[in-house]
Amino acid sequence: MAKRDVWVRVGDDLVRGDTVLGVTVSDPHYHHETFKIMLKVTGHRDRLWLDSGVRDDYQGAGREQVNALADAFVDTLARGAAMPSGALIRLGSDEDDSGWVLSSLG
């Protein structure tokens, strides 16, 4: 199974998994803001942004949590690529323990 069969939901966009070139975590400018996960995607001039829902607690726990979420994205992308029917990946809501929801296609 090639990564081209994995799709990632980024806001209103659906991008192919093999077009994701990089994952970065932003620093929030203000205390009320959340960390953003930014994806650099082939064919998009600007980075695509995902709101992680994680706030900066100024103690490092928020940064650690969102870094783990970004790392889990890479793992989820690899698991999706191994699925025989392809996959759709999206950042889940607060009820989702893993953060990333992996759905089989087909």
N, C-alpha and C. Protein backbone atom coordinates (compact mmCIF):
# COMPACT_ATOMS: atom_id res chain seq x y z
N MET A 1 0.85 -1.17 0.00
CA MET A 1 0.00 0.00 0.00
C MET A 1 0.89 1.23 0.00
N ALA A 2 0.69 2.10 -0.93
CA ALA A 2 1.48 3.32 -1.04
C ALA A 2 0.81 4.44 -0.25
N LYS A 3 1.59 5.41 0.16
CA LYS A 3 1.05 6.53 0.90
C LYS A 3 0.05 7.33 0.09
N ARG A 4 0.06 7.18 -1.22
CA ARG A 4 -0.88 7.93 -2.03
C ARG A 4 -2.32 7.53 -1.74
N ASP A 5 -2.50 6.40 -1.07
CA ASP A 5 -3.83 5.93 -0.72
C ASP A 5 -4.27 6.42 0.67
N VAL A 6 -3.47 7.26 1.28
CA VAL A 6 -3.80 7.83 2.58
C VAL A 6 -4.14 9.31 2.39
N TRP A 7 -5.26 9.70 2.94
CA TRP A 7 -5.72 11.09 2.86
C TRP A 7 -5.74 11.68 4.26
N VAL A 8 -5.41 12.96 4.34
CA VAL A 8 -5.37 13.66 5.62
C VAL A 8 -6.31 14.85 5.55
N ARG A 9 -7.21 14.95 6.52
CA ARG A 9 -8.13 16.08 6.61
C ARG A 9 -7.42 17.19 7.38
N VAL A 10 -7.26 18.35 6.73
CA VAL A 10 -6.63 19.52 7.35
C VAL A 10 -7.62 20.67 7.18
N GLY A 11 -8.42 20.92 8.19
CA GLY A 11 -9.45 21.95 8.09
C GLY A 11 -10.43 21.59 6.99
N ASP A 12 -10.55 22.45 6.00
CA ASP A 12 -11.46 22.20 4.88
C ASP A 12 -10.79 21.44 3.74
N ASP A 13 -9.49 21.19 3.87
CA ASP A 13 -8.72 20.53 2.81
C ASP A 13 -8.54 19.04 3.08
N LEU A 14 -8.49 18.28 2.01
CA LEU A 14 -8.05 16.89 2.05
C LEU A 14 -6.76 16.83 1.25
N VAL A 15 -5.69 16.33 1.87
CA VAL A 15 -4.42 16.22 1.16
C VAL A 15 -3.96 14.78 1.18
N ARG A 16 -3.23 14.40 0.16
CA ARG A 16 -2.69 13.04 0.11
C ARG A 16 -1.54 12.92 1.09
N GLY A 17 -1.44 11.77 1.72
CA GLY A 17 -0.39 11.54 2.71
C GLY A 17 1.00 11.68 2.15
N ASP A 18 1.21 11.31 0.89
CA ASP A 18 2.56 11.38 0.33
C ASP A 18 2.96 12.80 -0.04
N THR A 19 2.06 13.77 0.10
CA THR A 19 2.41 15.15 -0.19
C THR A 19 2.81 15.92 1.07
N VAL A 20 2.68 15.28 2.24
CA VAL A 20 3.08 15.91 3.49
C VAL A 20 4.60 15.83 3.60
N LEU A 21 5.24 17.00 3.60
CA LEU A 21 6.70 17.06 3.63
C LEU A 21 7.26 17.29 5.02
N GLY A 22 6.48 17.90 5.88
CA GLY A 22 6.99 18.21 7.21
C GLY A 22 5.89 18.56 8.18
N VAL A 23 6.17 18.35 9.47
CA VAL A 23 5.24 18.65 10.54
C VAL A 23 5.97 19.52 11.55
N THR A 24 5.38 20.65 11.91
CA THR A 24 5.98 21.58 12.85
C THR A 24 4.93 21.99 13.87
N VAL A 25 5.37 22.30 15.08
CA VAL A 25 4.47 22.80 16.11
C VAL A 25 4.79 24.27 16.35
N SER A 26 3.76 25.11 16.34
CA SER A 26 3.96 26.54 16.56
C SER A 26 3.92 26.87 18.04
N ASP A 27 4.46 28.02 18.39
CA ASP A 27 4.34 28.55 19.74
C ASP A 27 3.17 29.53 19.77
N PRO A 28 2.28 29.38 20.74
CA PRO A 28 1.18 30.35 20.83
C PRO A 28 1.72 31.71 21.27
N HIS A 29 1.17 32.77 20.70
CA HIS A 29 1.62 34.12 21.03
C HIS A 29 1.02 34.62 22.34
N TYR A 30 -0.19 34.15 22.64
CA TYR A 30 -0.89 34.63 23.83
C TYR A 30 -1.36 33.43 24.64
N HIS A 31 -1.57 33.64 25.93
CA HIS A 31 -1.94 32.54 26.83
C HIS A 31 -3.26 31.87 26.42
N HIS A 32 -4.19 32.63 25.86
CA HIS A 32 -5.50 32.06 25.51
C HIS A 32 -5.46 31.26 24.21
N GLU A 33 -4.35 31.29 23.49
CA GLU A 33 -4.26 30.55 22.23
C GLU A 33 -3.79 29.12 22.47
N THR A 34 -4.05 28.29 21.49
CA THR A 34 -3.60 26.90 21.55
C THR A 34 -2.41 26.70 20.61
N PHE A 35 -1.69 25.63 20.85
CA PHE A 35 -0.62 25.25 19.93
C PHE A 35 -1.24 24.87 18.59
N LYS A 36 -0.54 25.17 17.52
CA LYS A 36 -0.97 24.78 16.18
C LYS A 36 0.02 23.76 15.62
N ILE A 37 -0.51 22.78 14.92
CA ILE A 37 0.33 21.83 14.20
C ILE A 37 0.30 22.26 12.74
N MET A 38 1.47 22.52 12.19
CA MET A 38 1.56 23.02 10.83
C MET A 38 2.12 21.92 9.93
N LEU A 39 1.46 21.69 8.82
CA LEU A 39 1.91 20.71 7.84
C LEU A 39 2.40 21.44 6.60
N LYS A 40 3.60 21.12 6.16
CA LYS A 40 4.10 21.60 4.87
C LYS A 40 3.72 20.55 3.85
N VAL A 41 2.96 20.98 2.86
CA VAL A 41 2.38 20.05 1.89
C VAL A 41 2.77 20.48 0.48
N THR A 42 3.22 19.53 -0.33
CA THR A 42 3.54 19.79 -1.73
C THR A 42 2.30 20.39 -2.42
N GLY A 43 2.52 21.44 -3.20
CA GLY A 43 1.42 22.06 -3.94
C GLY A 43 0.73 23.17 -3.18
N HIS A 44 1.10 23.37 -1.92
CA HIS A 44 0.54 24.45 -1.12
C HIS A 44 1.67 25.42 -0.77
N ARG A 45 1.52 26.65 -1.15
CA ARG A 45 2.56 27.64 -0.89
C ARG A 45 2.75 27.84 0.62
N ASP A 46 1.65 28.00 1.33
CA ASP A 46 1.70 28.22 2.78
C ASP A 46 1.47 26.91 3.52
N ARG A 47 1.91 26.89 4.75
CA ARG A 47 1.66 25.72 5.59
C ARG A 47 0.18 25.61 5.90
N LEU A 48 -0.29 24.39 6.07
CA LEU A 48 -1.66 24.16 6.49
C LEU A 48 -1.66 23.99 8.01
N TRP A 49 -2.61 24.59 8.68
CA TRP A 49 -2.62 24.64 10.13
C TRP A 49 -3.74 23.79 10.72
N LEU A 50 -3.41 23.06 11.76
CA LEU A 50 -4.39 22.32 12.55
C LEU A 50 -4.33 22.86 13.98
N ASP A 51 -5.47 23.18 14.53
CA ASP A 51 -5.53 23.62 15.92
C ASP A 51 -5.49 22.37 16.80
N SER A 52 -4.46 22.24 17.63
CA SER A 52 -4.30 21.04 18.45
C SER A 52 -5.28 20.99 19.60
N GLY A 53 -5.81 22.14 20.00
CA GLY A 53 -6.69 22.18 21.17
C GLY A 53 -5.92 22.18 22.48
N VAL A 54 -4.59 22.15 22.42
CA VAL A 54 -3.75 22.12 23.61
C VAL A 54 -3.26 23.53 23.91
N ARG A 55 -3.50 23.98 25.13
CA ARG A 55 -3.06 25.31 25.54
C ARG A 55 -1.69 25.24 26.20
N ASP A 56 -0.95 26.33 26.09
CA ASP A 56 0.36 26.45 26.73
C ASP A 56 0.14 26.68 28.22
N ASP A 57 0.66 25.78 29.04
CA ASP A 57 0.51 25.93 30.49
C ASP A 57 1.72 26.60 31.13
N TYR A 58 2.69 26.99 30.32
CA TYR A 58 3.92 27.65 30.76
C TYR A 58 4.74 26.80 31.72
N GLN A 59 4.47 25.49 31.76
CA GLN A 59 5.23 24.57 32.60
C GLN A 59 5.84 23.45 31.76
N GLY A 60 5.56 23.47 30.47
CA GLY A 60 6.13 22.49 29.57
C GLY A 60 5.22 21.31 29.25
N ALA A 61 4.19 21.09 30.05
CA ALA A 61 3.31 19.94 29.81
C ALA A 61 2.52 20.10 28.52
N GLY A 62 2.07 21.31 28.23
CA GLY A 62 1.32 21.55 26.99
C GLY A 62 2.18 21.31 25.78
N ARG A 63 3.41 21.80 25.81
CA ARG A 63 4.35 21.60 24.70
C ARG A 63 4.64 20.11 24.53
N GLU A 64 4.84 19.42 25.62
CA GLU A 64 5.11 17.98 25.56
C GLU A 64 3.93 17.22 24.96
N GLN A 65 2.73 17.62 25.36
CA GLN A 65 1.52 16.96 24.85
C GLN A 65 1.36 17.18 23.34
N VAL A 66 1.56 18.40 22.87
CA VAL A 66 1.38 18.67 21.44
C VAL A 66 2.51 18.08 20.62
N ASN A 67 3.72 18.01 21.17
CA ASN A 67 4.81 17.33 20.47
C ASN A 67 4.50 15.85 20.30
N ALA A 68 3.93 15.24 21.34
CA ALA A 68 3.52 13.83 21.26
C ALA A 68 2.42 13.66 20.21
N LEU A 69 1.53 14.62 20.11
CA LEU A 69 0.46 14.58 19.11
C LEU A 69 1.04 14.66 17.70
N ALA A 70 2.03 15.52 17.50
CA ALA A 70 2.69 15.64 16.20
C ALA A 70 3.43 14.34 15.86
N ASP A 71 4.11 13.75 16.85
CA ASP A 71 4.79 12.47 16.63
C ASP A 71 3.79 11.37 16.28
N ALA A 72 2.65 11.38 16.96
CA ALA A 72 1.62 10.38 16.71
C ALA A 72 1.06 10.50 15.29
N PHE A 73 1.09 11.71 14.72
CA PHE A 73 0.64 11.89 13.35
C PHE A 73 1.47 11.04 12.39
N VAL A 74 2.79 11.07 12.59
CA VAL A 74 3.69 10.30 11.72
C VAL A 74 3.38 8.81 11.85
N ASP A 75 3.17 8.34 13.07
CA ASP A 75 2.83 6.94 13.29
C ASP A 75 1.49 6.59 12.64
N THR A 76 0.51 7.47 12.78
CA THR A 76 -0.81 7.24 12.19
C THR A 76 -0.73 7.22 10.67
N LEU A 77 0.09 8.08 10.10
CA LEU A 77 0.29 8.10 8.65
C LEU A 77 0.88 6.77 8.18
N ALA A 78 1.84 6.24 8.90
CA ALA A 78 2.45 4.95 8.55
C ALA A 78 1.44 3.81 8.70
N ARG A 79 0.65 3.83 9.75
CA ARG A 79 -0.37 2.79 9.92
C ARG A 79 -1.42 2.86 8.81
N GLY A 80 -1.78 4.07 8.43
CA GLY A 80 -2.74 4.24 7.34
C GLY A 80 -2.19 3.72 6.03
N ALA A 81 -0.90 3.93 5.79
CA ALA A 81 -0.28 3.46 4.56
C ALA A 81 -0.22 1.94 4.51
N ALA A 82 -0.26 1.30 5.66
CA ALA A 82 -0.22 -0.17 5.71
C ALA A 82 -1.60 -0.80 5.55
N MET A 83 -2.63 -0.01 5.57
CA MET A 83 -3.99 -0.54 5.44
C MET A 83 -4.25 -0.91 3.97
N PRO A 84 -4.78 -2.09 3.73
CA PRO A 84 -4.96 -2.55 2.35
C PRO A 84 -5.94 -1.71 1.53
N SER A 85 -6.91 -1.08 2.17
CA SER A 85 -7.90 -0.32 1.40
C SER A 85 -7.63 1.18 1.42
N GLY A 86 -6.51 1.61 2.01
CA GLY A 86 -6.24 3.04 2.15
C GLY A 86 -6.88 3.58 3.41
N ALA A 87 -6.66 4.85 3.69
CA ALA A 87 -7.14 5.40 4.95
C ALA A 87 -7.38 6.90 4.86
N LEU A 88 -8.19 7.37 5.79
CA LEU A 88 -8.42 8.79 6.01
C LEU A 88 -7.98 9.09 7.43
N ILE A 89 -7.19 10.14 7.61
CA ILE A 89 -6.71 10.55 8.93
C ILE A 89 -7.26 11.94 9.22
N ARG A 90 -7.75 12.11 10.44
CA ARG A 90 -8.20 13.44 10.86
C ARG A 90 -7.88 13.60 12.33
N LEU A 91 -7.72 14.84 12.74
CA LEU A 91 -7.50 15.14 14.14
C LEU A 91 -8.85 15.03 14.83
N GLY A 92 -8.92 14.18 15.83
CA GLY A 92 -10.19 13.93 16.51
C GLY A 92 -10.58 15.03 17.46
N SER A 93 -11.75 14.88 18.01
CA SER A 93 -12.25 15.84 19.00
C SER A 93 -11.71 15.48 20.38
N ASP A 94 -12.12 16.22 21.38
CA ASP A 94 -11.64 15.98 22.75
C ASP A 94 -11.99 14.58 23.26
N GLU A 95 -13.03 13.98 22.72
CA GLU A 95 -13.45 12.66 23.18
C GLU A 95 -12.52 11.54 22.70
N ASP A 96 -11.76 11.81 21.66
CA ASP A 96 -10.85 10.80 21.10
C ASP A 96 -9.56 10.76 21.91
N ASP A 97 -9.27 9.61 22.51
CA ASP A 97 -8.08 9.48 23.36
C ASP A 97 -6.79 9.64 22.58
N SER A 98 -6.72 9.09 21.38
CA SER A 98 -5.48 9.07 20.64
C SER A 98 -5.15 10.40 19.98
N GLY A 99 -6.14 11.23 19.78
CA GLY A 99 -5.93 12.48 19.07
C GLY A 99 -6.21 12.34 17.59
N TRP A 100 -5.63 11.32 16.96
CA TRP A 100 -5.80 11.09 15.53
C TRP A 100 -6.78 9.96 15.31
N VAL A 101 -7.70 10.17 14.38
CA VAL A 101 -8.68 9.14 14.04
C VAL A 101 -8.30 8.59 12.66
N LEU A 102 -8.15 7.29 12.59
CA LEU A 102 -7.77 6.60 11.36
C LEU A 102 -8.97 5.80 10.89
N SER A 103 -9.46 6.11 9.70
CA SER A 103 -10.62 5.41 9.13
C SER A 103 -10.21 4.70 7.86
N SER A 104 -10.67 3.48 7.72
CA SER A 104 -10.39 2.71 6.52
C SER A 104 -11.23 3.21 5.35
N LEU A 105 -10.65 3.23 4.17
CA LEU A 105 -11.40 3.60 2.96
C LEU A 105 -11.90 2.33 2.27
N GLY A 106 -13.02 2.45 1.63
CA GLY A 106 -13.51 1.34 0.83
C GLY A 106 -14.35 0.37 1.50
